[in-house]
C-alpha atoms as a PDB file:
ATOM      1  CA  MET A   1      -0.472   0.276  -0.106  1.00  0.00           C
ATOM      2  CA  ARG A   2       1.094   3.795  -0.272  1.00  0.00           C
ATOM      3  CA  ALA A   3       2.088   5.924   2.411  1.00  0.00           C
ATOM      4  CA  ALA A   4       3.807   9.056   3.907  1.00  0.00           C
ATOM      5  CA  TRP A   5       7.170   8.221   4.932  1.00  0.00           C
ATOM      6  CA  TYR A   6       9.869   9.533   6.724  1.00  0.00           C
ATOM      7  CA  GLN A   7      13.129   7.328   7.791  1.00  0.00           C
ATOM      8  CA  THR A   8      14.952  10.336   9.843  1.00  0.00           C
ATOM      9  CA  TYR A   9      13.620  13.271  12.291  1.00  0.00           C
ATOM     10  CA  GLY A  10      13.300  16.285   9.528  1.00  0.00           C
ATOM     11  CA  PRO A  11      11.702  19.061   8.342  1.00  0.00           C
ATOM     12  CA  PRO A  12       8.064  18.582   5.904  1.00  0.00           C
ATOM     13  CA  SER A  13      10.145  18.335   3.031  1.00  0.00           C
ATOM     14  CA  SER A  14      11.523  15.162   3.890  1.00  0.00           C
ATOM     15  CA  VAL A  15       8.404  13.286   3.952  1.00  0.00           C
ATOM     16  CA  ARG A  16       7.877  10.851   0.923  1.00  0.00           C
ATOM     17  CA  VAL A  17       5.355   8.678  -0.615  1.00  0.00           C
ATOM     18  CA  ARG A  18       6.380   5.223  -0.896  1.00  0.00           C
ATOM     19  CA  GLU A  19       5.404   1.874  -0.495  1.00  0.00           C
ATOM     20  CA  ILE A  20       5.367  -0.513   2.483  1.00  0.00           C
ATOM     21  CA  PRO A  21       3.431  -3.838   3.771  1.00  0.00           C
ATOM     22  CA  ASP A  22      -0.209  -3.713   4.397  1.00  0.00           C
ATOM     23  CA  PRO A  23      -0.891  -3.796   8.431  1.00  0.00           C
ATOM     24  CA  VAL A  24      -1.895  -7.117   9.761  1.00  0.00           C
ATOM     25  CA  PRO A  25      -4.140  -6.533  13.045  1.00  0.00           C
ATOM     26  CA  LYS A  26      -3.191  -8.196  16.268  1.00  0.00           C
ATOM     27  CA  ALA A  27      -5.903  -9.397  18.601  1.00  0.00           C
ATOM     28  CA  ASP A  28      -7.218  -5.910  19.865  1.00  0.00           C
ATOM     29  CA  GLN A  29      -6.932  -3.961  16.622  1.00  0.00           C
ATOM     30  CA  VAL A  30      -8.746  -3.325  13.432  1.00  0.00           C
ATOM     31  CA  VAL A  31      -7.400  -2.495   9.978  1.00  0.00           C
ATOM     32  CA  VAL A  32      -9.049   0.465   8.546  1.00  0.00           C
ATOM     33  CA  ARG A  33      -9.077   1.525   4.770  1.00  0.00           C
ATOM     34  CA  VAL A  34      -8.674   5.049   5.224  1.00  0.00           C
ATOM     35  CA  LYS A  35     -10.741   7.881   3.770  1.00  0.00           C
ATOM     36  CA  ALA A  36      -9.542  10.583   5.388  1.00  0.00           C
ATOM     37  CA  ALA A  37      -6.906  11.800   7.716  1.00  0.00           C
ATOM     38  CA  ALA A  38      -6.460  15.199   9.546  1.00  0.00           C
ATOM     39  CA  VAL A  39      -3.203  16.915  10.390  1.00  0.00           C
ATOM     40  CA  ASN A  40      -1.961  18.080  13.515  1.00  0.00           C
ATOM     41  CA  PRO A  41       0.487  20.051  15.518  1.00  0.00           C
ATOM     42  CA  LEU A  42       1.381  16.530  16.622  1.00  0.00           C
ATOM     43  CA  ASP A  43       2.388  15.633  13.515  1.00  0.00           C
ATOM     44  CA  LEU A  44       4.961  18.479  12.985  1.00  0.00           C
ATOM     45  CA  TYR A  45       6.762  17.355  17.045  1.00  0.00           C
ATOM     46  CA  TYR A  46       6.757  13.586  15.732  1.00  0.00           C
ATOM     47  CA  LEU A  47       8.097  14.781  12.534  1.00  0.00           C
ATOM     48  CA  ALA A  48      10.759  17.194  13.972  1.00  0.00           C
ATOM     49  CA  GLY A  49      11.636  14.854  16.841  1.00  0.00           C
ATOM     50  CA  THR A  50      11.103  17.844  19.012  1.00  0.00           C
ATOM     51  CA  PRO A  51      10.857  19.082  22.040  1.00  0.00           C
ATOM     52  CA  LEU A  52      14.066  17.252  22.932  1.00  0.00           C
ATOM     53  CA  ILE A  53      12.145  16.412  26.179  1.00  0.00           C
ATOM     54  CA  ALA A  54      10.198  14.330  24.356  1.00  0.00           C
ATOM     55  CA  ARG A  55      12.593  12.371  22.539  1.00  0.00           C
ATOM     56  CA  PRO A  56      12.009   8.938  24.716  1.00  0.00           C
ATOM     57  CA  ALA A  57       8.462   8.750  23.691  1.00  0.00           C
ATOM     58  CA  PHE A  58       9.080  10.014  19.843  1.00  0.00           C
ATOM     59  CA  GLY A  59      12.207   8.050  19.442  1.00  0.00           C
ATOM     60  CA  LEU A  60      15.900   9.346  21.367  1.00  0.00           C
ATOM     61  CA  PHE A  61      17.933   8.456  18.002  1.00  0.00           C
ATOM     62  CA  GLY A  62      15.279   8.165  15.350  1.00  0.00           C
ATOM     63  CA  PRO A  63      11.603   8.231  14.995  1.00  0.00           C
ATOM     64  CA  LYS A  64       9.426   5.503  16.254  1.00  0.00           C
ATOM     65  CA  ARG A  65       6.898   6.049  13.985  1.00  0.00           C
ATOM     66  CA  HIS A  66       7.496   6.653  10.211  1.00  0.00           C
ATOM     67  CA  THR A  67       3.641   7.315   8.675  1.00  0.00           C
ATOM     68  CA  PRO A  68       2.246  10.658  10.268  1.00  0.00           C
ATOM     69  CA  GLY A  69      -1.051  11.424  11.177  1.00  0.00           C
ATOM     70  CA  VAL A  70      -3.220  10.307  14.171  1.00  0.00           C
ATOM     71  CA  ASP A  71      -6.496  11.529  13.187  1.00  0.00           C
ATOM     72  CA  VAL A  72      -8.388   8.791  10.588  1.00  0.00           C
ATOM     73  CA  SER A  73     -12.065   8.066   8.736  1.00  0.00           C
ATOM     74  CA  GLY A  74     -12.653   5.106   6.952  1.00  0.00           C
ATOM     75  CA  VAL A  75     -14.255   1.911   6.949  1.00  0.00           C
ATOM     76  CA  VAL A  76     -13.414  -1.630   8.721  1.00  0.00           C
ATOM     77  CA  GLU A  77     -11.816  -4.395   6.350  1.00  0.00           C
ATOM     78  CA  ALA A  78     -10.553  -6.918   9.119  1.00  0.00           C
ATOM     79  CA  VAL A  79     -10.277  -7.319  12.429  1.00  0.00           C
ATOM     80  CA  GLY A  80      -8.644  -8.832  14.949  1.00  0.00           C
ATOM     81  CA  ALA A  81      -9.374 -12.180  16.938  1.00  0.00           C
ATOM     82  CA  ASP A  82     -10.552 -10.514  20.074  1.00  0.00           C
ATOM     83  CA  VAL A  83     -12.088  -7.225  18.183  1.00  0.00           C
ATOM     84  CA  THR A  84     -16.212  -7.452  19.572  1.00  0.00           C
ATOM     85  CA  ARG A  85     -17.083  -3.670  18.775  1.00  0.00           C
ATOM     86  CA  PHE A  86     -16.860  -3.847  15.160  1.00  0.00           C
ATOM     87  CA  ALA A  87     -17.102  -6.081  11.630  1.00  0.00           C
ATOM     88  CA  ALA A  88     -15.934  -5.404   7.669  1.00  0.00           C
ATOM     89  CA  GLY A  89     -18.047  -2.836   6.323  1.00  0.00           C
ATOM     90  CA  ASP A  90     -18.264  -0.496   9.154  1.00  0.00           C
ATOM     91  CA  GLU A  91     -17.668   3.395   8.708  1.00  0.00           C
ATOM     92  CA  VAL A  92     -15.311   4.205  11.891  1.00  0.00           C
ATOM     93  CA  TRP A  93     -13.641   7.441  12.749  1.00  0.00           C
ATOM     94  CA  GLY A  94     -10.948   7.852  15.523  1.00  0.00           C
ATOM     95  CA  ASN A  95      -7.334   7.815  16.570  1.00  0.00           C
ATOM     96  CA  CYS A  96      -4.620   5.808  14.978  1.00  0.00           C
ATOM     97  CA  SER A  97      -0.771   5.992  14.642  1.00  0.00           C
ATOM     98  CA  GLY A  98       0.226   6.267  10.994  1.00  0.00           C
ATOM     99  CA  ALA A  99      -3.031   7.670   9.617  1.00  0.00           C
ATOM    100  CA  PHE A 100      -1.505   9.056   6.277  1.00  0.00           C
ATOM    101  CA  ALA A 101      -1.365   5.848   4.685  1.00  0.00           C
ATOM    102  CA  GLU A 102      -3.866   3.533   2.426  1.00  0.00           C
ATOM    103  CA  ARG A 103      -4.702   1.503   5.377  1.00  0.00           C
ATOM    104  CA  VAL A 104      -3.906   1.774   8.977  1.00  0.00           C
ATOM    105  CA  ALA A 105      -4.327  -0.971  12.283  1.00  0.00           C
ATOM    106  CA  THR A 106      -5.288   0.479  15.641  1.00  0.00           C
ATOM    107  CA  LYS A 107      -7.016  -0.165  18.836  1.00  0.00           C
ATOM    108  CA  GLU A 108     -10.836  -0.884  18.882  1.00  0.00           C
ATOM    109  CA  LYS A 109     -11.549   0.852  21.566  1.00  0.00           C
ATOM    110  CA  GLN A 110      -9.680   4.205  19.467  1.00  0.00           C
ATOM    111  CA  LEU A 111     -12.718   4.207  17.104  1.00  0.00           C
ATOM    112  CA  VAL A 112     -16.234   4.833  17.502  1.00  0.00           C
ATOM    113  CA  HIS A 113     -18.750   4.295  14.504  1.00  0.00           C
ATOM    114  CA  LYS A 114     -19.434   7.443  12.338  1.00  0.00           C
ATOM    115  CA  PRO A 115     -22.925   8.559  12.497  1.00  0.00           C
ATOM    116  CA  VAL A 116     -24.557   8.395   8.932  1.00  0.00           C
ATOM    117  CA  ARG A 117     -25.173  12.508   8.441  1.00  0.00           C
ATOM    118  CA  VAL A 118     -21.285  12.860   8.831  1.00  0.00           C
ATOM    119  CA  THR A 119     -19.431  12.935   6.240  1.00  0.00           C
ATOM    120  CA  PHE A 120     -15.789  10.729   6.171  1.00  0.00           C
ATOM    121  CA  GLU A 121     -13.613  14.003   5.433  1.00  0.00           C
ATOM    122  CA  GLN A 122     -15.737  15.561   8.736  1.00  0.00           C
ATOM    123  CA  ALA A 123     -15.505  12.190  11.209  1.00  0.00           C
ATOM    124  CA  ALA A 124     -11.581  12.453  10.130  1.00  0.00           C
ATOM    125  CA  ALA A 125     -11.275  16.162  11.605  1.00  0.00           C
ATOM    126  CA  VAL A 126     -12.566  15.271  15.053  1.00  0.00           C
ATOM    127  CA  SER A 127     -10.329  13.379  17.031  1.00  0.00           C
ATOM    128  CA  ILE A 128      -7.291  15.087  18.466  1.00  0.00           C
ATOM    129  CA  ALA A 129      -8.836  18.664  17.992  1.00  0.00           C
ATOM    130  CA  GLY A 130     -12.388  17.630  19.392  1.00  0.00           C
ATOM    131  CA  LEU A 131     -10.915  16.090  22.534  1.00  0.00           C
ATOM    132  CA  THR A 132      -9.154  19.007  23.251  1.00  0.00           C
ATOM    133  CA  ALA A 133     -11.754  21.385  22.844  1.00  0.00           C
ATOM    134  CA  LEU A 134     -13.920  18.871  25.049  1.00  0.00           C
ATOM    135  CA  GLN A 135     -11.873  18.641  27.713  1.00  0.00           C
ATOM    136  CA  ALA A 136     -10.960  21.784  27.952  1.00  0.00           C
ATOM    137  CA  VAL A 137     -14.477  23.332  28.193  1.00  0.00           C
ATOM    138  CA  ARG A 138     -15.990  20.825  30.125  1.00  0.00           C
ATOM    139  CA  ASP A 139     -13.865  19.334  32.270  1.00  0.00           C
ATOM    140  CA  HIS A 140     -10.640  21.926  33.073  1.00  0.00           C
ATOM    141  CA  ALA A 141     -12.731  24.859  32.812  1.00  0.00           C
ATOM    142  CA  ALA A 142     -16.091  23.531  34.204  1.00  0.00           C
ATOM    143  CA  VAL A 143     -17.847  25.803  31.953  1.00  0.00           C
ATOM    144  CA  GLN A 144     -21.362  26.370  33.636  1.00  0.00           C
ATOM    145  CA  PRO A 145     -24.569  27.802  31.572  1.00  0.00           C
ATOM    146  CA  GLY A 146     -24.548  31.444  31.463  1.00  0.00           C
ATOM    147  CA  GLN A 147     -20.795  32.312  32.181  1.00  0.00           C
ATOM    148  CA  HIS A 148     -18.912  34.383  29.585  1.00  0.00           C
ATOM    149  CA  VAL A 149     -16.361  32.078  27.701  1.00  0.00           C
ATOM    150  CA  VAL A 150     -13.592  33.764  25.436  1.00  0.00           C
ATOM    151  CA  ILE A 151     -11.795  31.520  22.967  1.00  0.00           C
ATOM    152  CA  ASN A 152      -8.615  33.163  21.475  1.00  0.00           C
ATOM    153  CA  GLY A 153      -7.634  31.260  18.450  1.00  0.00           C
ATOM    154  CA  ALA A 154     -11.430  30.290  17.482  1.00  0.00           C
ATOM    155  CA  SER A 155     -10.630  29.685  13.998  1.00  0.00           C
ATOM    156  CA  GLY A 156      -8.435  26.829  14.629  1.00  0.00           C
ATOM    157  CA  GLY A 157      -8.903  22.983  14.613  1.00  0.00           C
ATOM    158  CA  VAL A 158      -9.259  23.088  18.692  1.00  0.00           C
ATOM    159  CA  GLY A 159     -11.191  26.773  18.699  1.00  0.00           C
ATOM    160  CA  THR A 160     -13.723  26.030  16.235  1.00  0.00           C
ATOM    161  CA  PHE A 161     -15.066  23.025  18.338  1.00  0.00           C
ATOM    162  CA  ALA A 162     -14.784  24.859  21.388  1.00  0.00           C
ATOM    163  CA  VAL A 163     -16.946  27.803  20.172  1.00  0.00           C
ATOM    164  CA  GLN A 164     -19.247  25.053  19.579  1.00  0.00           C
ATOM    165  CA  ILE A 165     -19.067  23.014  22.218  1.00  0.00           C
ATOM    166  CA  ALA A 166     -19.493  26.068  24.986  1.00  0.00           C
ATOM    167  CA  LYS A 167     -22.267  27.011  23.005  1.00  0.00           C
ATOM    168  CA  HIS A 168     -23.619  23.557  23.326  1.00  0.00           C
ATOM    169  CA  MET A 169     -23.024  23.992  27.040  1.00  0.00           C
ATOM    170  CA  GLY A 170     -24.605  27.136  27.618  1.00  0.00           C
ATOM    171  CA  ALA A 171     -22.010  29.771  27.552  1.00  0.00           C
ATOM    172  CA  ARG A 172     -22.146  33.467  25.796  1.00  0.00           C
ATOM    173  CA  VAL A 173     -18.647  32.693  23.567  1.00  0.00           C
ATOM    174  CA  THR A 174     -16.552  35.938  22.602  1.00  0.00           C
ATOM    175  CA  GLY A 175     -14.476  34.288  20.164  1.00  0.00           C
ATOM    176  CA  VAL A 176     -10.871  36.039  18.836  1.00  0.00           C
ATOM    177  CA  CYS A 177      -9.654  35.425  15.402  1.00  0.00           C
ATOM    178  CA  SER A 178      -8.603  37.316  12.306  1.00  0.00           C
ATOM    179  CA  THR A 179     -10.171  39.222   9.644  1.00  0.00           C
ATOM    180  CA  LYS A 180     -10.467  36.261   7.114  1.00  0.00           C
ATOM    181  CA  ASN A 181     -12.296  34.177   9.714  1.00  0.00           C
ATOM    182  CA  VAL A 182     -14.571  36.483  11.436  1.00  0.00           C
ATOM    183  CA  GLU A 183     -17.838  35.928   9.849  1.00  0.00           C
ATOM    184  CA  MET A 184     -17.032  31.548  10.244  1.00  0.00           C
ATOM    185  CA  VAL A 185     -16.322  32.115  13.774  1.00  0.00           C
ATOM    186  CA  ARG A 186     -20.021  33.824  13.887  1.00  0.00           C
ATOM    187  CA  SER A 187     -21.581  31.475  11.926  1.00  0.00           C
ATOM    188  CA  LEU A 188     -20.374  28.732  14.610  1.00  0.00           C
ATOM    189  CA  GLY A 189     -22.488  30.476  17.079  1.00  0.00           C
ATOM    190  CA  ALA A 190     -20.330  32.935  18.562  1.00  0.00           C
ATOM    191  CA  ASP A 191     -22.362  36.041  20.672  1.00  0.00           C
ATOM    192  CA  LEU A 192     -19.119  38.500  19.774  1.00  0.00           C
ATOM    193  CA  VAL A 193     -15.993  38.090  17.649  1.00  0.00           C
ATOM    194  CA  VAL A 194     -13.300  40.184  17.983  1.00  0.00           C
ATOM    195  CA  ASP A 195     -10.972  40.748  15.361  1.00  0.00           C
ATOM    196  CA  TYR A 196      -7.204  40.833  16.573  1.00  0.00           C
ATOM    197  CA  THR A 197      -6.297  42.728  13.784  1.00  0.00           C
ATOM    198  CA  VAL A 198      -8.527  45.923  15.106  1.00  0.00           C
ATOM    199  CA  GLU A 199      -8.535  45.533  18.857  1.00  0.00           C
ATOM    200  CA  ASP A 200      -6.566  43.847  21.172  1.00  0.00           C
ATOM    201  CA  PHE A 201      -9.009  41.665  23.240  1.00  0.00           C
ATOM    202  CA  THR A 202      -6.614  42.142  26.728  1.00  0.00           C
ATOM    203  CA  ARG A 203      -7.036  45.749  26.788  1.00  0.00           C
ATOM    204  CA  LEU A 204     -11.492  44.839  26.282  1.00  0.00           C
ATOM    205  CA  ASP A 205     -13.642  45.061  29.305  1.00  0.00           C
ATOM    206  CA  LEU A 206     -14.621  41.367  28.826  1.00  0.00           C
ATOM    207  CA  ALA A 207     -14.439  40.022  32.572  1.00  0.00           C
ATOM    208  CA  ALA A 208     -14.996  36.805  31.606  1.00  0.00           C
ATOM    209  CA  ASP A 209     -15.871  33.272  33.425  1.00  0.00           C
ATOM    210  CA  VAL A 210     -13.227  31.565  31.579  1.00  0.00           C
ATOM    211  CA  MET A 211     -10.754  31.486  28.423  1.00  0.00           C
ATOM    212  CA  ILE A 212      -9.383  29.185  26.752  1.00  0.00           C
ATOM    213  CA  ASP A 213      -6.433  30.228  24.633  1.00  0.00           C
ATOM    214  CA  ASN A 214      -5.488  28.110  21.770  1.00  0.00           C
ATOM    215  CA  ILE A 215      -2.553  30.299  20.880  1.00  0.00           C
ATOM    216  CA  GLY A 216      -0.343  31.413  24.022  1.00  0.00           C
ATOM    217  CA  ASN A 217       0.520  34.528  22.012  1.00  0.00           C
ATOM    218  CA  ARG A 218       0.109  36.429  25.254  1.00  0.00           C
ATOM    219  CA  THR A 219       1.723  36.217  28.794  1.00  0.00           C
ATOM    220  CA  VAL A 220      -0.622  35.033  31.350  1.00  0.00           C
ATOM    221  CA  ALA A 221      -0.848  38.576  33.128  1.00  0.00           C
ATOM    222  CA  GLU A 222      -2.279  39.760  29.685  1.00  0.00           C
ATOM    223  CA  ASN A 223      -4.611  36.887  29.600  1.00  0.00           C
ATOM    224  CA  CYS A 224      -5.634  37.451  33.014  1.00  0.00           C
ATOM    225  CA  ASN A 225      -6.821  41.346  31.936  1.00  0.00           C
ATOM    226  CA  ALA A 226      -9.671  39.765  30.039  1.00  0.00           C
ATOM    227  CA  LEU A 227     -10.769  37.173  33.088  1.00  0.00           C
ATOM    228  CA  ALA A 228     -12.719  38.327  36.231  1.00  0.00           C
ATOM    229  CA  ALA A 229     -11.060  38.159  39.542  1.00  0.00           C
ATOM    230  CA  ASN A 230     -11.954  34.630  40.183  1.00  0.00           C
ATOM    231  CA  GLY A 231     -12.001  33.510  36.123  1.00  0.00           C
ATOM    232  CA  VAL A 232     -10.236  30.202  34.889  1.00  0.00           C
ATOM    233  CA  TYR A 233      -7.636  30.310  32.311  1.00  0.00           C
ATOM    234  CA  VAL A 234      -6.887  26.948  30.139  1.00  0.00           C
ATOM    235  CA  GLY A 235      -4.020  26.979  28.194  1.00  0.00           C
ATOM    236  CA  VAL A 236      -4.043  24.751  24.858  1.00  0.00           C
ATOM    237  CA  GLY A 237      -2.097  25.952  22.808  1.00  0.00           C
ATOM    238  CA  ALA A 238       1.789  27.365  23.375  1.00  0.00           C
ATOM    239  CA  PRO A 239       4.507  29.264  21.401  1.00  0.00           C
ATOM    240  CA  LYS A 240       6.560  26.611  19.639  1.00  0.00           C
ATOM    241  CA  GLY A 241       9.520  27.643  22.673  1.00  0.00           C
ATOM    242  CA  GLY A 242      13.282  26.008  21.972  1.00  0.00           C
ATOM    243  CA  ARG A 243      14.501  22.847  21.198  1.00  0.00           C
ATOM    244  CA  VAL A 244      14.613  21.625  24.945  1.00  0.00           C
ATOM    245  CA  LEU A 245      11.089  22.135  26.243  1.00  0.00           C
ATOM    246  CA  GLY A 246       9.420  23.782  23.283  1.00  0.00           C
ATOM    247  CA  PRO A 247       5.634  24.190  24.362  1.00  0.00           C
ATOM    248  CA  ILE A 248       6.195  22.381  27.462  1.00  0.00           C
ATOM    249  CA  ARG A 249       7.611  25.288  29.336  1.00  0.00           C
ATOM    250  CA  TYR A 250       4.843  28.019  28.469  1.00  0.00           C
ATOM    251  CA  LEU A 251       2.151  25.672  29.936  1.00  0.00           C
ATOM    252  CA  LEU A 252       4.096  24.090  32.831  1.00  0.00           C
ATOM    253  CA  GLY A 253       4.503  27.812  33.910  1.00  0.00           C
ATOM    254  CA  CYS A 254       0.268  28.610  33.827  1.00  0.00           C
ATOM    255  CA  THR A 255      -0.005  25.297  36.491  1.00  0.00           C
ATOM    256  CA  LEU A 256       3.038  26.806  38.484  1.00  0.00           C
ATOM    257  CA  ARG A 257       1.624  30.449  38.356  1.00  0.00           C
ATOM    258  CA  SER A 258      -1.912  29.680  39.432  1.00  0.00           C
ATOM    259  CA  PRO A 259      -1.122  29.712  43.597  1.00  0.00           C
ATOM    260  CA  PHE A 260      -0.114  33.342  43.295  1.00  0.00           C
ATOM    261  CA  VAL A 261      -3.278  35.097  41.328  1.00  0.00           C
ATOM    262  CA  SER A 262      -6.494  35.197  41.898  1.00  0.00           C
ATOM    263  CA  GLN A 263      -7.508  33.514  38.627  1.00  0.00           C
ATOM    264  CA  ARG A 264      -7.275  29.642  38.404  1.00  0.00           C
ATOM    265  CA  LEU A 265      -4.685  28.858  35.819  1.00  0.00           C
ATOM    266  CA  ALA A 266      -4.286  25.006  34.394  1.00  0.00           C
ATOM    267  CA  SER A 267      -2.786  23.551  30.937  1.00  0.00           C
ATOM    268  CA  PHE A 268      -3.275  20.084  29.944  1.00  0.00           C
ATOM    269  CA  THR A 269      -3.060  17.382  27.158  1.00  0.00           C
ATOM    270  CA  ALA A 270      -5.745  15.771  25.832  1.00  0.00           C
ATOM    271  CA  SER A 271      -6.611  12.306  26.821  1.00  0.00           C
ATOM    272  CA  VAL A 272      -7.715   9.414  24.008  1.00  0.00           C
ATOM    273  CA  THR A 273     -10.765   8.001  25.520  1.00  0.00           C
ATOM    274  CA  LEU A 274     -13.320   5.991  24.214  1.00  0.00           C
ATOM    275  CA  ALA A 275     -15.841   7.812  26.440  1.00  0.00           C
ATOM    276  CA  ASP A 276     -14.911  11.511  24.940  1.00  0.00           C
ATOM    277  CA  HIS A 277     -14.918   9.682  21.299  1.00  0.00           C
ATOM    278  CA  ASP A 278     -18.555   8.655  22.063  1.00  0.00           C
ATOM    279  CA  ALA A 279     -19.445  12.452  23.528  1.00  0.00           C
ATOM    280  CA  LEU A 280     -18.206  14.089  20.869  1.00  0.00           C
ATOM    281  CA  ASN A 281     -20.467  11.182  18.438  1.00  0.00           C
ATOM    282  CA  ASP A 282     -23.260  11.899  20.537  1.00  0.00           C
ATOM    283  CA  LEU A 283     -22.212  15.760  19.380  1.00  0.00           C
ATOM    284  CA  LEU A 284     -21.921  15.146  15.852  1.00  0.00           C
ATOM    285  CA  ASP A 285     -24.845  12.980  15.480  1.00  0.00           C
ATOM    286  CA  ALA A 286     -27.297  15.636  17.200  1.00  0.00           C
ATOM    287  CA  GLY A 287     -25.969  18.117  14.952  1.00  0.00           C
ATOM    288  CA  ALA A 288     -24.402  20.319  17.906  1.00  0.00           C
ATOM    289  CA  VAL A 289     -21.098  20.428  16.293  1.00  0.00           C
ATOM    290  CA  VAL A 290     -20.035  20.480  12.732  1.00  0.00           C
ATOM    291  CA  PRO A 291     -16.373  20.358  11.799  1.00  0.00           C
ATOM    292  CA  VAL A 292     -15.064  23.135   9.502  1.00  0.00           C
ATOM    293  CA  ILE A 293     -12.778  21.548   6.835  1.00  0.00           C
ATOM    294  CA  ASP A 294     -10.655  24.377   5.406  1.00  0.00           C
ATOM    295  CA  ARG A 295      -8.799  21.778   2.953  1.00  0.00           C
ATOM    296  CA  THR A 296      -8.477  18.711   1.488  1.00  0.00           C
ATOM    297  CA  PHE A 297      -5.200  17.293  -0.194  1.00  0.00           C
ATOM    298  CA  ARG A 298      -4.081  14.237  -1.955  1.00  0.00           C
ATOM    299  CA  LEU A 299      -1.638  11.714  -0.574  1.00  0.00           C
ATOM    300  CA  ASP A 300       1.100  13.112  -3.292  1.00  0.00           C
ATOM    301  CA  ASP A 301       0.753  16.410  -1.794  1.00  0.00           C
ATOM    302  CA  VAL A 302       1.569  15.726   2.048  1.00  0.00           C
ATOM    303  CA  VAL A 303       4.317  18.020   2.018  1.00  0.00           C
ATOM    304  CA  GLU A 304       1.729  20.963   0.495  1.00  0.00           C
ATOM    305  CA  LEU A 305      -0.738  19.785   3.934  1.00  0.00           C
ATOM    306  CA  LEU A 306       2.315  19.733   6.548  1.00  0.00           C
ATOM    307  CA  GLU A 307       4.081  22.915   5.414  1.00  0.00           C
ATOM    308  CA  LEU A 308       0.364  24.492   5.548  1.00  0.00           C
ATOM    309  CA  GLN A 309      -0.184  23.082   9.155  1.00  0.00           C
ATOM    310  CA  ALA A 310       3.645  24.813   9.894  1.00  0.00           C
ATOM    311  CA  SER A 311       2.296  28.080   8.831  1.00  0.00           C
ATOM    312  CA  GLY A 312      -0.452  28.191  11.327  1.00  0.00           C
ATOM    313  CA  ARG A 313      -2.579  29.589   8.653  1.00  0.00           C
ATOM    314  CA  ILE A 314      -5.489  26.695   8.863  1.00  0.00           C
ATOM    315  CA  ALA A 315      -9.449  27.976   9.649  1.00  0.00           C
ATOM    316  CA  GLY A 316     -10.295  24.724  11.250  1.00  0.00           C
ATOM    317  CA  LYS A 317      -8.712  21.304   9.634  1.00  0.00           C
ATOM    318  CA  ALA A 318      -6.769  20.626   6.507  1.00  0.00           C
ATOM    319  CA  LEU A 319      -7.265  16.712   5.474  1.00  0.00           C
ATOM    320  CA  LEU A 320      -5.763  14.338   3.398  1.00  0.00           C
ATOM    321  CA  THR A 321      -8.514  12.391   1.538  1.00  0.00           C
ATOM    322  CA  PHE A 322      -8.094   9.053  -0.099  1.00  0.00           C
END
């Protein structure tokens, strides 16, 4: 089968398309014929092997993973001996390792059935960004009906989900984005949209109950200016940082600073759980959340897709389609 492949750590241009063996499922695995796969910042970290603090997980002297992609949708082709939830022909989406390939094997517990009303492209866009948004809004911010939630980076992968999930939970949402995405963010349900090229949202009298920060382009002190005295700041995105700690330094700093300010500051990395995939599936099936697709690419254009992700100029999600 054809797959994107990199042998050593490097930039997006180091990725090539090549023939690799078809996957064979282990007892608890499902083989999926890939219909679509989304790109994430995580793919760039794996590709570059940075931050260095994560090298034990990525591979000390070379990558453990050779095919990018962690978000997938497709059709089940084969199942392992212990698999009970899926059969050949089922349409599924979820999380995997190596989604930028014609077929992929992943654990049964990392997949859910795709709702009929949802396209393969939409389903492929959900896993990492959707889980991050859900856990940020529901768990770490504990958003309540009627609260005012500011979402910095409202037009990105996590941000577009966070706007919709916060609105579904009954919050009043202010989205922060660039000029070209103002109408898109408003269409997702945001009550107020701040164009950061025109206004500095940290200087507005927002007094928000919650801020979900997907960018990390401000100091913690500046972000707290947009919060009420007892507000909650949840850091999801962060500057790239240095080669050693990368974004971990910024996110960890938020947590360490929290005891010294009146607001509660938190950061986290999303966990892939079947329960939360199921929760997102319910939102998708009800139409409460609709993934935003910026652009789609073919496998032969995988370098262009990765370079687009590196540029940060994606509204919603960008995908490979097969």
